[in-house]
Structures are given as C-alpha cells and as structure tokens.
C-alpha cells in the first residue's frame, strides 16, 4: 500500500516539474515582449512565470501586475493583453513577430501600473 502512495507522489512531482519547463517558443516570445517593453521599463523589472495553462509576463515579479499572458499550444497561439481592469483581451496570432503590431497595447499596460 505504501508503495502505491509513493508512486502516486512521484507521478505528481513529475507532472509539477513538467508544467514548469519552459519551451524555446516561450523563451522566444518573452525576448520579443522584453524588446517592446524596454522602451519604458528596465529589463530587470520584466519577469515571467510558466503556469500550466499559460506563460505569464509580469512587472516587478508580481502576480498582481501581469503585463500579458501567452497561451501557446501546438495548433494555436494567443496573446492576452491586460487592460486597466486587469481583464485580458485575447488576440489570436500566427507568429511572434505580430507582437509588434500590439506595441501600443503593451506600453499602455505599463501605464496602468506605473500610476498606482
């Protein structure tokens, strides 16, 4: 009986670790977002967290200050830009180069937090 619980704990741990592994795609997206945000922020203020359902880019490593959320799957890519109400506007994208089309939205999001 104990070996079953140990096996279950090990499987749970593997799933937790798997969910925290960044992909090259996530790193590429992060670098592009940082390039855009550097117009208003120093690089050390821009961080990321890899969640199970999305890849979050944060201001000051603060979960309450999301800059955007990326939903990346094999078939679809979505960019979630954060609005003043902290709701996100989900945009479907084909390539990460399209992030530059949303530069104004990224920079506007910074303004929501900087005036606090």
Protein backbone atom coordinates (compact mmCIF):
# COMPACT_ATOMS: atom_id res chain seq x y z
CA UNK A 1 0.00 0.00 0.00
CA UNK A 2 2.81 2.41 0.88
CA UNK A 3 4.50 1.85 -2.48
CA UNK A 4 1.29 2.93 -4.25
CA UNK A 5 1.24 6.21 -2.36
CA UNK A 6 4.95 6.73 -3.05
CA UNK A 7 4.37 6.04 -6.74
CA UNK A 8 1.44 8.48 -6.81
CA UNK A 9 3.60 11.15 -5.09
CA UNK A 10 6.37 10.59 -7.63
CA UNK A 11 3.95 10.87 -10.56
CA UNK A 12 2.51 14.09 -9.10
CA UNK A 13 6.02 15.51 -8.73
CA UNK A 14 6.86 14.66 -12.35
CA UNK A 15 3.69 16.43 -13.53
CA UNK A 16 4.57 19.51 -11.46
CA UNK A 17 8.08 19.64 -12.91
CA UNK A 18 6.84 19.08 -16.45
CA UNK A 19 4.46 22.03 -16.11
CA UNK A 20 7.34 24.31 -15.14
CA UNK A 21 9.60 23.54 -18.09
CA UNK A 22 9.89 26.49 -20.45
CA UNK A 23 9.86 25.81 -24.13
CA UNK A 24 12.07 27.51 -26.70
CA UNK A 25 8.87 29.04 -28.09
CA UNK A 26 8.08 30.64 -24.72
CA UNK A 27 11.63 31.99 -24.42
CA UNK A 28 11.44 33.49 -27.92
CA UNK A 29 8.10 35.15 -27.15
CA UNK A 30 9.48 36.51 -23.87
CA UNK A 31 12.50 38.05 -25.62
CA UNK A 32 10.27 39.86 -28.12
CA UNK A 33 7.97 41.19 -25.39
CA UNK A 34 11.00 42.40 -23.42
CA UNK A 35 12.30 44.19 -26.54
CA UNK A 36 8.98 46.03 -26.82
CA UNK A 37 8.67 46.85 -23.11
CA UNK A 38 12.26 48.12 -22.84
CA UNK A 39 11.03 51.41 -24.31
CA UNK A 40 9.51 52.17 -20.90
CA UNK A 41 10.98 49.67 -18.43
CA UNK A 42 14.39 48.46 -17.40
CA UNK A 43 14.92 44.82 -18.20
CA UNK A 44 15.27 43.76 -14.55
CA UNK A 45 11.62 44.74 -13.92
CA UNK A 46 10.27 42.32 -16.55
CA UNK A 47 9.91 38.72 -15.39
CA UNK A 48 7.99 35.64 -16.38
CA UNK A 49 6.28 32.65 -14.85
CA UNK A 50 5.43 29.46 -16.62
CA UNK A 51 2.00 28.31 -15.47
CA UNK A 52 0.23 25.15 -16.51
CA UNK A 53 -2.31 26.91 -18.74
CA UNK A 54 -0.33 29.98 -19.82
CA UNK A 55 3.04 31.73 -19.83
CA UNK A 56 2.79 34.98 -17.87
CA UNK A 57 4.97 38.06 -18.26
CA UNK A 58 4.94 40.21 -15.14
CA UNK A 59 6.03 43.60 -13.90
CA UNK A 60 8.34 43.52 -10.87
CA UNK A 61 7.85 39.74 -10.46
CA UNK A 62 4.39 40.48 -9.04
CA UNK A 63 1.43 38.23 -9.90
CA UNK A 64 -0.86 41.22 -9.38
CA UNK A 65 0.92 43.08 -12.20
CA UNK A 66 0.58 40.91 -15.29
CA UNK A 67 1.78 42.56 -18.49
CA UNK A 68 0.46 39.82 -20.74
CA UNK A 69 -0.41 36.14 -20.82
CA UNK A 70 0.62 33.83 -23.63
CA UNK A 71 -1.41 30.75 -24.43
CA UNK A 72 0.74 28.58 -26.65
CA UNK A 73 -0.37 25.20 -27.91
CA UNK A 74 0.73 23.10 -30.84
CA UNK A 75 -2.14 24.36 -33.01
CA UNK A 76 -2.85 27.86 -31.65
CA UNK A 77 -1.11 30.90 -30.27
CA UNK A 78 -2.93 33.59 -28.30
CA UNK A 79 -1.67 36.81 -26.79
CA UNK A 80 -3.63 38.07 -23.79
CA UNK A 81 -3.06 41.81 -23.40
CA UNK A 82 -4.03 43.17 -19.99
CA UNK A 83 -6.42 46.11 -19.67
CA UNK A 84 -6.81 48.59 -16.84
CA UNK A 85 -9.48 46.40 -15.24
CA UNK A 86 -6.87 43.59 -15.34
CA UNK A 87 -9.04 41.66 -17.76
CA UNK A 88 -7.28 40.38 -20.80
CA UNK A 89 -8.04 40.91 -24.46
CA UNK A 90 -7.12 37.65 -26.16
CA UNK A 91 -5.65 38.02 -29.66
CA UNK A 92 -5.02 35.10 -31.96
CA UNK A 93 -1.58 35.28 -33.61
CA UNK A 94 0.27 33.24 -36.21
CA UNK A 95 3.84 34.34 -35.40
CA UNK A 96 5.56 36.19 -32.59
CA UNK A 97 6.51 38.98 -34.99
CA UNK A 98 2.86 40.03 -34.71
CA UNK A 99 3.59 41.17 -31.14
CA UNK A 100 5.00 44.34 -32.66
CA UNK A 101 1.50 45.13 -34.00
CA UNK A 102 0.32 45.30 -30.38
CA UNK A 103 3.17 47.51 -29.14
CA UNK A 104 0.80 50.31 -28.15
CA UNK A 105 -1.24 47.88 -26.04
CA UNK A 106 1.86 46.57 -24.28
CA UNK A 107 3.06 50.08 -23.45
CA UNK A 108 -0.42 51.14 -22.32
CA UNK A 109 -0.50 48.24 -19.86
CA UNK A 110 2.65 49.56 -18.18
CA UNK A 111 0.86 52.87 -17.61
CA UNK A 112 -1.88 51.15 -15.60
CA UNK A 113 0.67 50.02 -13.02
CA UNK A 114 3.05 52.95 -13.06
CA UNK A 115 0.35 55.41 -11.98
CA UNK A 116 -0.53 53.31 -8.89
